[in-house]
Amino acid sequence: MNPISNSGMTPLTKLLPASWLALRAQLTTRWQTLAPRERAGLTAAAAFVAVLLIWGIAVRPAWRTLSETPAQIDQLDSQLQTMRRLAAEAAELRTMAPISAMQSSTALLAATDRLGSKAQLILQDDRATVTFNAMPGGDLQGWLVEVRSAARARVTEAQLSRDAGGYAGTVVLSLRAGS
């Protein structure tokens, strides 16, 4: 015979402290004194609390993850497409034949002249410094794209601030051939 069954105790009750065993005995006695209707009410309340706990701990976080995942996937796909487009643009720029310093300076001067009084260009050997004043963001972006592709210039420093009139500050470009 098993020694546990001889003593009348299960392995779980042997592990519990005596105070918990006394509490368990009191609760069992109290449960048996309740009317069947009260037992059913307490059982229903306990089941309701259990369902709420399961919902809050297991179901709701998983549900939220499932509902947010498609939007996150779309955002990540968009970022991936942007990165691929930028990588293709960088590869294209690397394969472009270098141009002479004179051609680069001419293209940079032409691009900056189109901005009018909002931009001022200073050329120094293989560097150019452009000072902007109240430059709209779209114009600045278009100028940067044109300077990168036509003049093959690369931004090495930029100190810009934005206010109600647009961007103001300086951009330093490198005009080295093949940059």
N, C-alpha and C. Protein backbone atom coordinates (compact mmCIF):
# COMPACT_ATOMS: atom_id res chain seq x y z
N MET A 1 0.84 -1.19 0.00
CA MET A 1 0.00 0.00 0.00
C MET A 1 0.88 1.24 0.00
N ASN A 2 0.32 2.28 -0.51
CA ASN A 2 1.01 3.56 -0.59
C ASN A 2 0.91 4.26 0.77
N PRO A 3 2.04 4.78 1.29
CA PRO A 3 1.98 5.45 2.60
C PRO A 3 1.16 6.72 2.57
N ILE A 4 1.05 7.35 1.42
CA ILE A 4 0.26 8.58 1.34
C ILE A 4 -1.22 8.26 1.53
N SER A 5 -1.70 7.18 0.90
CA SER A 5 -3.11 6.84 1.04
C SER A 5 -3.43 6.36 2.46
N ASN A 6 -2.47 5.81 3.19
CA ASN A 6 -2.70 5.38 4.57
C ASN A 6 -2.97 6.54 5.48
N SER A 7 -2.27 7.66 5.25
CA SER A 7 -2.44 8.80 6.15
C SER A 7 -3.68 9.61 5.79
N GLY A 8 -4.25 9.39 4.63
CA GLY A 8 -5.43 10.14 4.22
C GLY A 8 -5.10 11.50 3.64
N MET A 9 -3.83 11.81 3.39
CA MET A 9 -3.41 13.10 2.86
C MET A 9 -2.88 12.93 1.44
N THR A 10 -3.19 13.88 0.61
CA THR A 10 -2.65 13.88 -0.74
C THR A 10 -1.28 14.56 -0.72
N PRO A 11 -0.46 14.36 -1.73
CA PRO A 11 0.86 15.00 -1.75
C PRO A 11 0.76 16.53 -1.68
N LEU A 12 -0.28 17.14 -2.25
CA LEU A 12 -0.43 18.58 -2.22
C LEU A 12 -0.68 19.08 -0.81
N THR A 13 -1.52 18.40 -0.05
CA THR A 13 -1.81 18.85 1.31
C THR A 13 -0.61 18.69 2.23
N LYS A 14 0.30 17.77 1.92
CA LYS A 14 1.51 17.64 2.72
C LYS A 14 2.43 18.86 2.52
N LEU A 15 2.36 19.48 1.35
CA LEU A 15 3.22 20.62 1.04
C LEU A 15 2.70 21.93 1.59
N LEU A 16 1.38 22.01 1.86
CA LEU A 16 0.79 23.25 2.33
C LEU A 16 1.06 23.46 3.82
N PRO A 17 1.23 24.72 4.23
CA PRO A 17 1.39 24.99 5.67
C PRO A 17 0.10 24.69 6.44
N ALA A 18 0.24 24.51 7.69
CA ALA A 18 -0.91 24.14 8.53
C ALA A 18 -1.98 25.23 8.54
N SER A 19 -1.57 26.49 8.47
CA SER A 19 -2.56 27.57 8.49
C SER A 19 -3.44 27.53 7.23
N TRP A 20 -2.85 27.13 6.11
CA TRP A 20 -3.64 27.04 4.89
C TRP A 20 -4.59 25.84 4.94
N LEU A 21 -4.14 24.77 5.57
CA LEU A 21 -5.01 23.60 5.70
C LEU A 21 -6.21 23.93 6.59
N ALA A 22 -5.97 24.70 7.66
CA ALA A 22 -7.06 25.11 8.54
C ALA A 22 -8.03 26.01 7.79
N LEU A 23 -7.50 26.94 6.99
CA LEU A 23 -8.36 27.83 6.20
C LEU A 23 -9.18 27.03 5.20
N ARG A 24 -8.54 26.04 4.60
CA ARG A 24 -9.25 25.20 3.63
C ARG A 24 -10.40 24.44 4.32
N ALA A 25 -10.14 23.94 5.48
CA ALA A 25 -11.19 23.22 6.22
C ALA A 25 -12.34 24.15 6.57
N GLN A 26 -12.03 25.40 6.98
CA GLN A 26 -13.08 26.36 7.31
C GLN A 26 -13.91 26.70 6.07
N LEU A 27 -13.24 26.90 4.94
CA LEU A 27 -13.97 27.22 3.72
C LEU A 27 -14.84 26.06 3.25
N THR A 28 -14.34 24.84 3.39
CA THR A 28 -15.14 23.67 3.01
C THR A 28 -16.38 23.55 3.89
N THR A 29 -16.21 23.78 5.16
CA THR A 29 -17.34 23.73 6.09
C THR A 29 -18.35 24.82 5.74
N ARG A 30 -17.86 26.01 5.47
CA ARG A 30 -18.74 27.14 5.11
C ARG A 30 -19.48 26.84 3.81
N TRP A 31 -18.78 26.27 2.84
CA TRP A 31 -19.39 25.94 1.55
C TRP A 31 -20.53 24.95 1.73
N GLN A 32 -20.33 23.96 2.59
CA GLN A 32 -21.35 22.94 2.81
C GLN A 32 -22.57 23.49 3.54
N THR A 33 -22.41 24.58 4.29
CA THR A 33 -23.55 25.15 5.01
C THR A 33 -24.38 26.08 4.11
N LEU A 34 -23.84 26.45 2.94
CA LEU A 34 -24.59 27.34 2.05
C LEU A 34 -25.74 26.61 1.39
N ALA A 35 -26.77 27.37 1.08
CA ALA A 35 -27.91 26.81 0.36
C ALA A 35 -27.50 26.56 -1.08
N PRO A 36 -28.14 25.63 -1.77
CA PRO A 36 -27.79 25.34 -3.17
C PRO A 36 -27.87 26.59 -4.07
N ARG A 37 -28.81 27.46 -3.77
CA ARG A 37 -28.94 28.68 -4.58
C ARG A 37 -27.72 29.59 -4.38
N GLU A 38 -27.23 29.70 -3.14
CA GLU A 38 -26.05 30.51 -2.86
C GLU A 38 -24.81 29.90 -3.50
N ARG A 39 -24.71 28.57 -3.47
CA ARG A 39 -23.58 27.89 -4.11
C ARG A 39 -23.57 28.17 -5.61
N ALA A 40 -24.74 28.12 -6.22
CA ALA A 40 -24.84 28.38 -7.67
C ALA A 40 -24.43 29.82 -7.98
N GLY A 41 -24.86 30.76 -7.14
CA GLY A 41 -24.49 32.17 -7.35
C GLY A 41 -22.99 32.39 -7.22
N LEU A 42 -22.39 31.80 -6.18
CA LEU A 42 -20.95 31.93 -6.00
C LEU A 42 -20.17 31.24 -7.12
N THR A 43 -20.67 30.10 -7.57
CA THR A 43 -20.03 29.40 -8.69
C THR A 43 -20.09 30.25 -9.95
N ALA A 44 -21.24 30.87 -10.21
CA ALA A 44 -21.37 31.74 -11.39
C ALA A 44 -20.46 32.96 -11.27
N ALA A 45 -20.36 33.56 -10.09
CA ALA A 45 -19.49 34.71 -9.89
C ALA A 45 -18.03 34.32 -10.08
N ALA A 46 -17.62 33.16 -9.56
CA ALA A 46 -16.25 32.69 -9.73
C ALA A 46 -15.95 32.42 -11.20
N ALA A 47 -16.93 31.84 -11.91
CA ALA A 47 -16.74 31.58 -13.34
C ALA A 47 -16.61 32.89 -14.11
N PHE A 48 -17.40 33.88 -13.74
CA PHE A 48 -17.33 35.19 -14.40
C PHE A 48 -15.96 35.84 -14.18
N VAL A 49 -15.47 35.78 -12.94
CA VAL A 49 -14.15 36.34 -12.63
C VAL A 49 -13.06 35.58 -13.40
N ALA A 50 -13.20 34.26 -13.49
CA ALA A 50 -12.21 33.46 -14.23
C ALA A 50 -12.21 33.84 -15.72
N VAL A 51 -13.41 34.03 -16.28
CA VAL A 51 -13.50 34.44 -17.70
C VAL A 51 -12.86 35.81 -17.89
N LEU A 52 -13.12 36.76 -16.97
CA LEU A 52 -12.50 38.08 -17.07
C LEU A 52 -10.98 38.00 -17.00
N LEU A 53 -10.47 37.18 -16.09
CA LEU A 53 -9.02 37.02 -15.97
C LEU A 53 -8.42 36.42 -17.24
N ILE A 54 -9.05 35.40 -17.76
CA ILE A 54 -8.56 34.77 -19.00
C ILE A 54 -8.60 35.78 -20.14
N TRP A 55 -9.70 36.54 -20.22
CA TRP A 55 -9.81 37.56 -21.28
C TRP A 55 -8.69 38.60 -21.14
N GLY A 56 -8.50 39.11 -19.93
CA GLY A 56 -7.51 40.16 -19.72
C GLY A 56 -6.07 39.71 -19.88
N ILE A 57 -5.78 38.46 -19.53
CA ILE A 57 -4.40 37.98 -19.55
C ILE A 57 -4.04 37.33 -20.89
N ALA A 58 -4.95 36.58 -21.47
CA ALA A 58 -4.60 35.80 -22.66
C ALA A 58 -5.24 36.31 -23.95
N VAL A 59 -6.52 36.57 -23.93
CA VAL A 59 -7.23 36.85 -25.17
C VAL A 59 -7.03 38.29 -25.65
N ARG A 60 -7.24 39.27 -24.78
CA ARG A 60 -7.17 40.68 -25.22
C ARG A 60 -5.81 41.07 -25.78
N PRO A 61 -4.68 40.71 -25.13
CA PRO A 61 -3.38 41.06 -25.75
C PRO A 61 -3.18 40.40 -27.11
N ALA A 62 -3.60 39.15 -27.24
CA ALA A 62 -3.46 38.47 -28.53
C ALA A 62 -4.38 39.13 -29.58
N TRP A 63 -5.57 39.49 -29.18
CA TRP A 63 -6.52 40.15 -30.08
C TRP A 63 -5.94 41.49 -30.56
N ARG A 64 -5.37 42.26 -29.63
CA ARG A 64 -4.77 43.55 -29.98
C ARG A 64 -3.62 43.36 -30.97
N THR A 65 -2.79 42.36 -30.70
CA THR A 65 -1.67 42.08 -31.61
C THR A 65 -2.18 41.74 -33.00
N LEU A 66 -3.20 40.91 -33.07
CA LEU A 66 -3.76 40.54 -34.37
C LEU A 66 -4.37 41.73 -35.10
N SER A 67 -4.98 42.65 -34.36
CA SER A 67 -5.61 43.80 -35.02
C SER A 67 -4.59 44.85 -35.44
N GLU A 68 -3.46 44.97 -34.72
CA GLU A 68 -2.44 45.98 -35.06
C GLU A 68 -1.44 45.48 -36.09
N THR A 69 -1.31 44.18 -36.25
CA THR A 69 -0.29 43.62 -37.14
C THR A 69 -0.44 44.06 -38.59
N PRO A 70 -1.62 44.04 -39.20
CA PRO A 70 -1.71 44.45 -40.62
C PRO A 70 -1.22 45.88 -40.85
N ALA A 71 -1.53 46.80 -39.96
CA ALA A 71 -1.07 48.18 -40.12
C ALA A 71 0.45 48.25 -40.00
N GLN A 72 1.01 47.50 -39.07
CA GLN A 72 2.46 47.49 -38.91
C GLN A 72 3.14 46.88 -40.12
N ILE A 73 2.56 45.83 -40.67
CA ILE A 73 3.11 45.20 -41.87
C ILE A 73 3.08 46.17 -43.03
N ASP A 74 1.98 46.91 -43.20
CA ASP A 74 1.89 47.90 -44.26
C ASP A 74 2.94 48.99 -44.09
N GLN A 75 3.14 49.45 -42.87
CA GLN A 75 4.14 50.48 -42.59
C GLN A 75 5.54 49.96 -42.90
N LEU A 76 5.83 48.75 -42.48
CA LEU A 76 7.15 48.17 -42.75
C LEU A 76 7.36 47.94 -44.25
N ASP A 77 6.30 47.51 -44.96
CA ASP A 77 6.41 47.36 -46.42
C ASP A 77 6.71 48.68 -47.09
N SER A 78 6.06 49.74 -46.62
CA SER A 78 6.32 51.08 -47.16
C SER A 78 7.76 51.49 -46.92
N GLN A 79 8.26 51.25 -45.72
CA GLN A 79 9.65 51.58 -45.40
C GLN A 79 10.61 50.75 -46.25
N LEU A 80 10.27 49.48 -46.47
CA LEU A 80 11.11 48.63 -47.30
C LEU A 80 11.16 49.14 -48.73
N GLN A 81 10.02 49.54 -49.26
CA GLN A 81 9.99 50.07 -50.63
C GLN A 81 10.82 51.35 -50.73
N THR A 82 10.73 52.20 -49.72
CA THR A 82 11.53 53.43 -49.71
C THR A 82 13.01 53.10 -49.67
N MET A 83 13.39 52.16 -48.83
CA MET A 83 14.79 51.77 -48.74
C MET A 83 15.28 51.16 -50.05
N ARG A 84 14.46 50.35 -50.70
CA ARG A 84 14.85 49.77 -51.99
C ARG A 84 15.00 50.86 -53.05
N ARG A 85 14.10 51.83 -53.04
CA ARG A 85 14.19 52.93 -54.00
C ARG A 85 15.45 53.73 -53.77
N LEU A 86 15.76 54.02 -52.51
CA LEU A 86 16.98 54.76 -52.20
C LEU A 86 18.24 53.96 -52.55
N ALA A 87 18.20 52.65 -52.33
CA ALA A 87 19.34 51.81 -52.69
C ALA A 87 19.55 51.80 -54.19
N ALA A 88 18.45 51.72 -54.94
CA ALA A 88 18.57 51.75 -56.41
C ALA A 88 19.11 53.09 -56.88
N GLU A 89 18.66 54.17 -56.24
CA GLU A 89 19.16 55.51 -56.60
C GLU A 89 20.64 55.63 -56.28
N ALA A 90 21.06 55.10 -55.14
CA ALA A 90 22.47 55.15 -54.77
C ALA A 90 23.31 54.33 -55.75
N ALA A 91 22.82 53.16 -56.15
CA ALA A 91 23.55 52.35 -57.11
C ALA A 91 23.65 53.07 -58.46
N GLU A 92 22.58 53.73 -58.85
CA GLU A 92 22.60 54.49 -60.11
C GLU A 92 23.61 55.63 -60.04
N LEU A 93 23.63 56.34 -58.91
CA LEU A 93 24.58 57.44 -58.76
C LEU A 93 26.03 56.93 -58.77
N ARG A 94 26.26 55.74 -58.21
CA ARG A 94 27.62 55.19 -58.22
C ARG A 94 28.09 54.83 -59.62
N THR A 95 27.15 54.45 -60.48
CA THR A 95 27.53 54.04 -61.84
C THR A 95 27.64 55.22 -62.80
N MET A 96 27.21 56.40 -62.38
CA MET A 96 27.29 57.56 -63.27
C MET A 96 28.75 57.95 -63.48
N ALA A 97 29.04 58.32 -64.69
CA ALA A 97 30.41 58.74 -65.02
C ALA A 97 30.71 60.06 -64.31
N PRO A 98 31.94 60.21 -63.81
CA PRO A 98 32.30 61.46 -63.15
C PRO A 98 32.34 62.61 -64.15
N ILE A 99 32.10 63.79 -63.65
CA ILE A 99 32.15 64.98 -64.51
C ILE A 99 33.29 65.87 -64.02
N SER A 100 33.69 66.79 -64.85
CA SER A 100 34.80 67.66 -64.48
C SER A 100 34.35 68.67 -63.44
N ALA A 101 35.31 69.27 -62.76
CA ALA A 101 35.01 70.28 -61.75
C ALA A 101 34.29 71.47 -62.37
N MET A 102 34.65 71.82 -63.60
CA MET A 102 34.00 72.95 -64.29
C MET A 102 32.53 72.63 -64.56
N GLN A 103 32.23 71.43 -65.04
CA GLN A 103 30.84 71.04 -65.30
C GLN A 103 30.04 71.00 -64.00
N SER A 104 30.67 70.51 -62.94
CA SER A 104 30.01 70.44 -61.66
C SER A 104 29.68 71.84 -61.14
N SER A 105 30.65 72.73 -61.23
CA SER A 105 30.43 74.11 -60.77
C SER A 105 29.35 74.80 -61.58
N THR A 106 29.34 74.56 -62.89
CA THR A 106 28.34 75.18 -63.77
C THR A 106 26.94 74.67 -63.42
N ALA A 107 26.80 73.37 -63.22
CA ALA A 107 25.49 72.80 -62.87
C ALA A 107 25.03 73.31 -61.51
N LEU A 108 25.94 73.41 -60.55
CA LEU A 108 25.59 73.92 -59.22
C LEU A 108 25.16 75.38 -59.29
N LEU A 109 25.88 76.16 -60.07
CA LEU A 109 25.54 77.58 -60.23
C LEU A 109 24.17 77.75 -60.87
N ALA A 110 23.88 76.93 -61.89
CA ALA A 110 22.58 77.01 -62.57
C ALA A 110 21.45 76.63 -61.62
N ALA A 111 21.65 75.57 -60.85
CA ALA A 111 20.61 75.13 -59.91
C ALA A 111 20.36 76.18 -58.84
N THR A 112 21.43 76.82 -58.36
CA THR A 112 21.30 77.82 -57.30
C THR A 112 20.71 79.11 -57.83
N ASP A 113 21.04 79.48 -59.06
CA ASP A 113 20.48 80.70 -59.66
C ASP A 113 18.96 80.62 -59.79
N ARG A 114 18.45 79.42 -60.03
CA ARG A 114 16.99 79.25 -60.16
C ARG A 114 16.25 79.56 -58.85
N LEU A 115 16.95 79.52 -57.73
CA LEU A 115 16.32 79.80 -56.44
C LEU A 115 16.20 81.30 -56.16
N GLY A 116 16.91 82.11 -56.95
CA GLY A 116 16.83 83.56 -56.81
C GLY A 116 17.53 84.05 -55.56
N SER A 117 16.91 85.03 -54.90
CA SER A 117 17.55 85.67 -53.75
C SER A 117 17.46 84.82 -52.48
N LYS A 118 16.80 83.70 -52.53
CA LYS A 118 16.67 82.85 -51.34
C LYS A 118 17.92 82.01 -51.10
N ALA A 119 18.87 81.99 -52.07
CA ALA A 119 20.08 81.19 -51.92
C ALA A 119 21.27 81.98 -52.44
N GLN A 120 22.38 81.83 -51.73
CA GLN A 120 23.61 82.50 -52.12
C GLN A 120 24.73 81.46 -52.14
N LEU A 121 25.46 81.37 -53.26
CA LEU A 121 26.48 80.35 -53.47
C LEU A 121 27.87 80.96 -53.36
N ILE A 122 28.76 80.26 -52.65
CA ILE A 122 30.18 80.63 -52.56
C ILE A 122 30.98 79.38 -52.93
N LEU A 123 31.76 79.45 -54.03
CA LEU A 123 32.59 78.33 -54.48
C LEU A 123 34.02 78.51 -53.97
N GLN A 124 34.60 77.43 -53.44
CA GLN A 124 35.99 77.43 -52.96
C GLN A 124 36.61 76.10 -53.35
N ASP A 125 37.44 76.08 -54.36
CA ASP A 125 38.10 74.86 -54.85
C ASP A 125 37.06 73.76 -55.09
N ASP A 126 37.15 72.66 -54.32
CA ASP A 126 36.22 71.55 -54.52
C ASP A 126 35.08 71.56 -53.51
N ARG A 127 34.85 72.71 -52.89
CA ARG A 127 33.76 72.87 -51.92
C ARG A 127 32.88 74.03 -52.33
N ALA A 128 31.62 73.92 -51.96
CA ALA A 128 30.69 75.01 -52.20
C ALA A 128 29.86 75.19 -50.95
N THR A 129 29.64 76.43 -50.58
CA THR A 129 28.80 76.75 -49.43
C THR A 129 27.60 77.54 -49.95
N VAL A 130 26.42 77.06 -49.61
CA VAL A 130 25.18 77.71 -50.04
C VAL A 130 24.44 78.16 -48.78
N THR A 131 24.09 79.44 -48.76
CA THR A 131 23.35 80.01 -47.64
C THR A 131 21.90 80.22 -48.08
N PHE A 132 20.98 79.70 -47.29
CA PHE A 132 19.56 79.80 -47.61
C PHE A 132 18.88 80.78 -46.65
N ASN A 133 17.83 81.43 -47.18
CA ASN A 133 17.04 82.34 -46.36
C ASN A 133 15.58 82.18 -46.78
N ALA A 134 14.73 81.76 -45.88
CA ALA A 134 13.29 81.58 -46.12
C ALA A 134 13.04 80.68 -47.33
N MET A 135 13.69 79.52 -47.35
CA MET A 135 13.57 78.57 -48.46
C MET A 135 12.45 77.56 -48.15
N PRO A 136 11.43 77.48 -49.01
CA PRO A 136 10.38 76.47 -48.80
C PRO A 136 10.98 75.06 -48.88
N GLY A 137 10.42 74.15 -48.11
CA GLY A 137 10.94 72.78 -48.03
C GLY A 137 10.97 72.07 -49.37
N GLY A 138 9.94 72.22 -50.17
CA GLY A 138 9.89 71.57 -51.48
C GLY A 138 10.98 72.08 -52.41
N ASP A 139 11.21 73.39 -52.38
CA ASP A 139 12.26 73.97 -53.22
C ASP A 139 13.63 73.47 -52.78
N LEU A 140 13.85 73.38 -51.48
CA LEU A 140 15.12 72.90 -50.97
C LEU A 140 15.34 71.44 -51.37
N GLN A 141 14.32 70.64 -51.26
CA GLN A 141 14.43 69.23 -51.64
C GLN A 141 14.72 69.10 -53.13
N GLY A 142 14.01 69.85 -53.95
CA GLY A 142 14.24 69.80 -55.40
C GLY A 142 15.65 70.24 -55.74
N TRP A 143 16.13 71.28 -55.07
CA TRP A 143 17.49 71.76 -55.31
C TRP A 143 18.52 70.69 -54.95
N LEU A 144 18.33 70.02 -53.80
CA LEU A 144 19.25 68.98 -53.37
C LEU A 144 19.29 67.82 -54.36
N VAL A 145 18.13 67.43 -54.88
CA VAL A 145 18.08 66.35 -55.87
C VAL A 145 18.82 66.77 -57.13
N GLU A 146 18.57 68.00 -57.59
CA GLU A 146 19.22 68.48 -58.81
C GLU A 146 20.73 68.58 -58.62
N VAL A 147 21.16 69.08 -57.49
CA VAL A 147 22.59 69.23 -57.22
C VAL A 147 23.26 67.86 -57.16
N ARG A 148 22.61 66.90 -56.58
CA ARG A 148 23.20 65.55 -56.46
C ARG A 148 23.31 64.90 -57.84
N SER A 149 22.30 65.02 -58.66
CA SER A 149 22.33 64.32 -59.94
C SER A 149 23.07 65.11 -61.02
N ALA A 150 22.84 66.41 -61.14
CA ALA A 150 23.44 67.18 -62.23
C ALA A 150 24.87 67.61 -61.91
N ALA A 151 25.12 68.10 -60.71
CA ALA A 151 26.44 68.59 -60.35
C ALA A 151 27.29 67.51 -59.70
N ARG A 152 26.67 66.36 -59.38
CA ARG A 152 27.35 65.26 -58.68
C ARG A 152 27.98 65.76 -57.38
N ALA A 153 27.32 66.70 -56.74
CA ALA A 153 27.80 67.25 -55.48
C ALA A 153 27.19 66.45 -54.33
N ARG A 154 27.94 66.40 -53.24
CA ARG A 154 27.50 65.63 -52.08
C ARG A 154 27.49 66.56 -50.87
N VAL A 155 26.41 66.51 -50.10
CA VAL A 155 26.30 67.35 -48.90
C VAL A 155 27.25 66.78 -47.84
N THR A 156 28.13 67.63 -47.33
CA THR A 156 29.05 67.20 -46.27
C THR A 156 28.67 67.80 -44.92
N GLU A 157 28.04 68.97 -44.95
CA GLU A 157 27.56 69.60 -43.71
C GLU A 157 26.26 70.32 -44.02
N ALA A 158 25.39 70.36 -43.04
CA ALA A 158 24.15 71.12 -43.18
C ALA A 158 23.75 71.66 -41.82
N GLN A 159 23.50 72.95 -41.78
CA GLN A 159 23.01 73.59 -40.56
C GLN A 159 21.80 74.42 -40.97
N LEU A 160 20.65 73.83 -40.80
CA LEU A 160 19.40 74.47 -41.22
C LEU A 160 18.47 74.58 -40.03
N SER A 161 17.70 75.65 -40.04
CA SER A 161 16.64 75.80 -39.05
C SER A 161 15.37 76.14 -39.83
N ARG A 162 14.26 75.83 -39.22
CA ARG A 162 12.98 76.03 -39.89
C ARG A 162 12.15 77.03 -39.11
N ASP A 163 11.55 77.96 -39.82
CA ASP A 163 10.62 78.89 -39.19
C ASP A 163 9.41 79.01 -40.10
N ALA A 164 8.55 79.98 -39.84
CA ALA A 164 7.31 80.12 -40.62
C ALA A 164 7.59 80.40 -42.09
N GLY A 165 8.70 81.07 -42.40
CA GLY A 165 9.02 81.41 -43.79
C GLY A 165 9.70 80.30 -44.55
N GLY A 166 10.16 79.27 -43.89
CA GLY A 166 10.85 78.16 -44.54
C GLY A 166 12.15 77.85 -43.83
N TYR A 167 13.11 77.33 -44.59
CA TYR A 167 14.40 76.94 -44.02
C TYR A 167 15.42 78.05 -44.19
N ALA A 168 16.29 78.18 -43.19
CA ALA A 168 17.38 79.14 -43.24
C ALA A 168 18.62 78.45 -42.69
N GLY A 169 19.79 78.79 -43.27
CA GLY A 169 21.03 78.20 -42.79
C GLY A 169 21.98 77.96 -43.94
N THR A 170 22.96 77.08 -43.70
CA THR A 170 23.97 76.81 -44.72
C THR A 170 24.08 75.32 -45.00
N VAL A 171 24.49 75.04 -46.24
CA VAL A 171 24.76 73.68 -46.68
C VAL A 171 26.13 73.73 -47.35
N VAL A 172 27.03 72.83 -46.93
CA VAL A 172 28.35 72.72 -47.53
C VAL A 172 28.36 71.48 -48.41
N LEU A 173 28.82 71.65 -49.65
CA LEU A 173 28.83 70.56 -50.63
C LEU A 173 30.26 70.24 -51.03
N SER A 174 30.49 68.98 -51.33
CA SER A 174 31.76 68.54 -51.88
C SER A 174 31.56 68.34 -53.37
N LEU A 175 32.46 68.93 -54.18
CA LEU A 175 32.36 68.85 -55.63
C LEU A 175 33.40 67.93 -56.23
N ARG A 176 34.01 67.08 -55.42
CA ARG A 176 35.05 66.18 -55.93
C ARG A 176 34.47 65.28 -57.00
N ALA A 177 35.24 65.05 -58.04
CA ALA A 177 34.81 64.19 -59.13
C ALA A 177 34.58 62.79 -58.58
N GLY A 178 33.46 62.21 -58.96
CA GLY A 178 33.13 60.85 -58.54
C GLY A 178 32.58 60.76 -57.14
N SER A 179 32.25 61.87 -56.49
CA SER A 179 31.72 61.80 -55.12
C SER A 179 30.27 61.41 -55.12
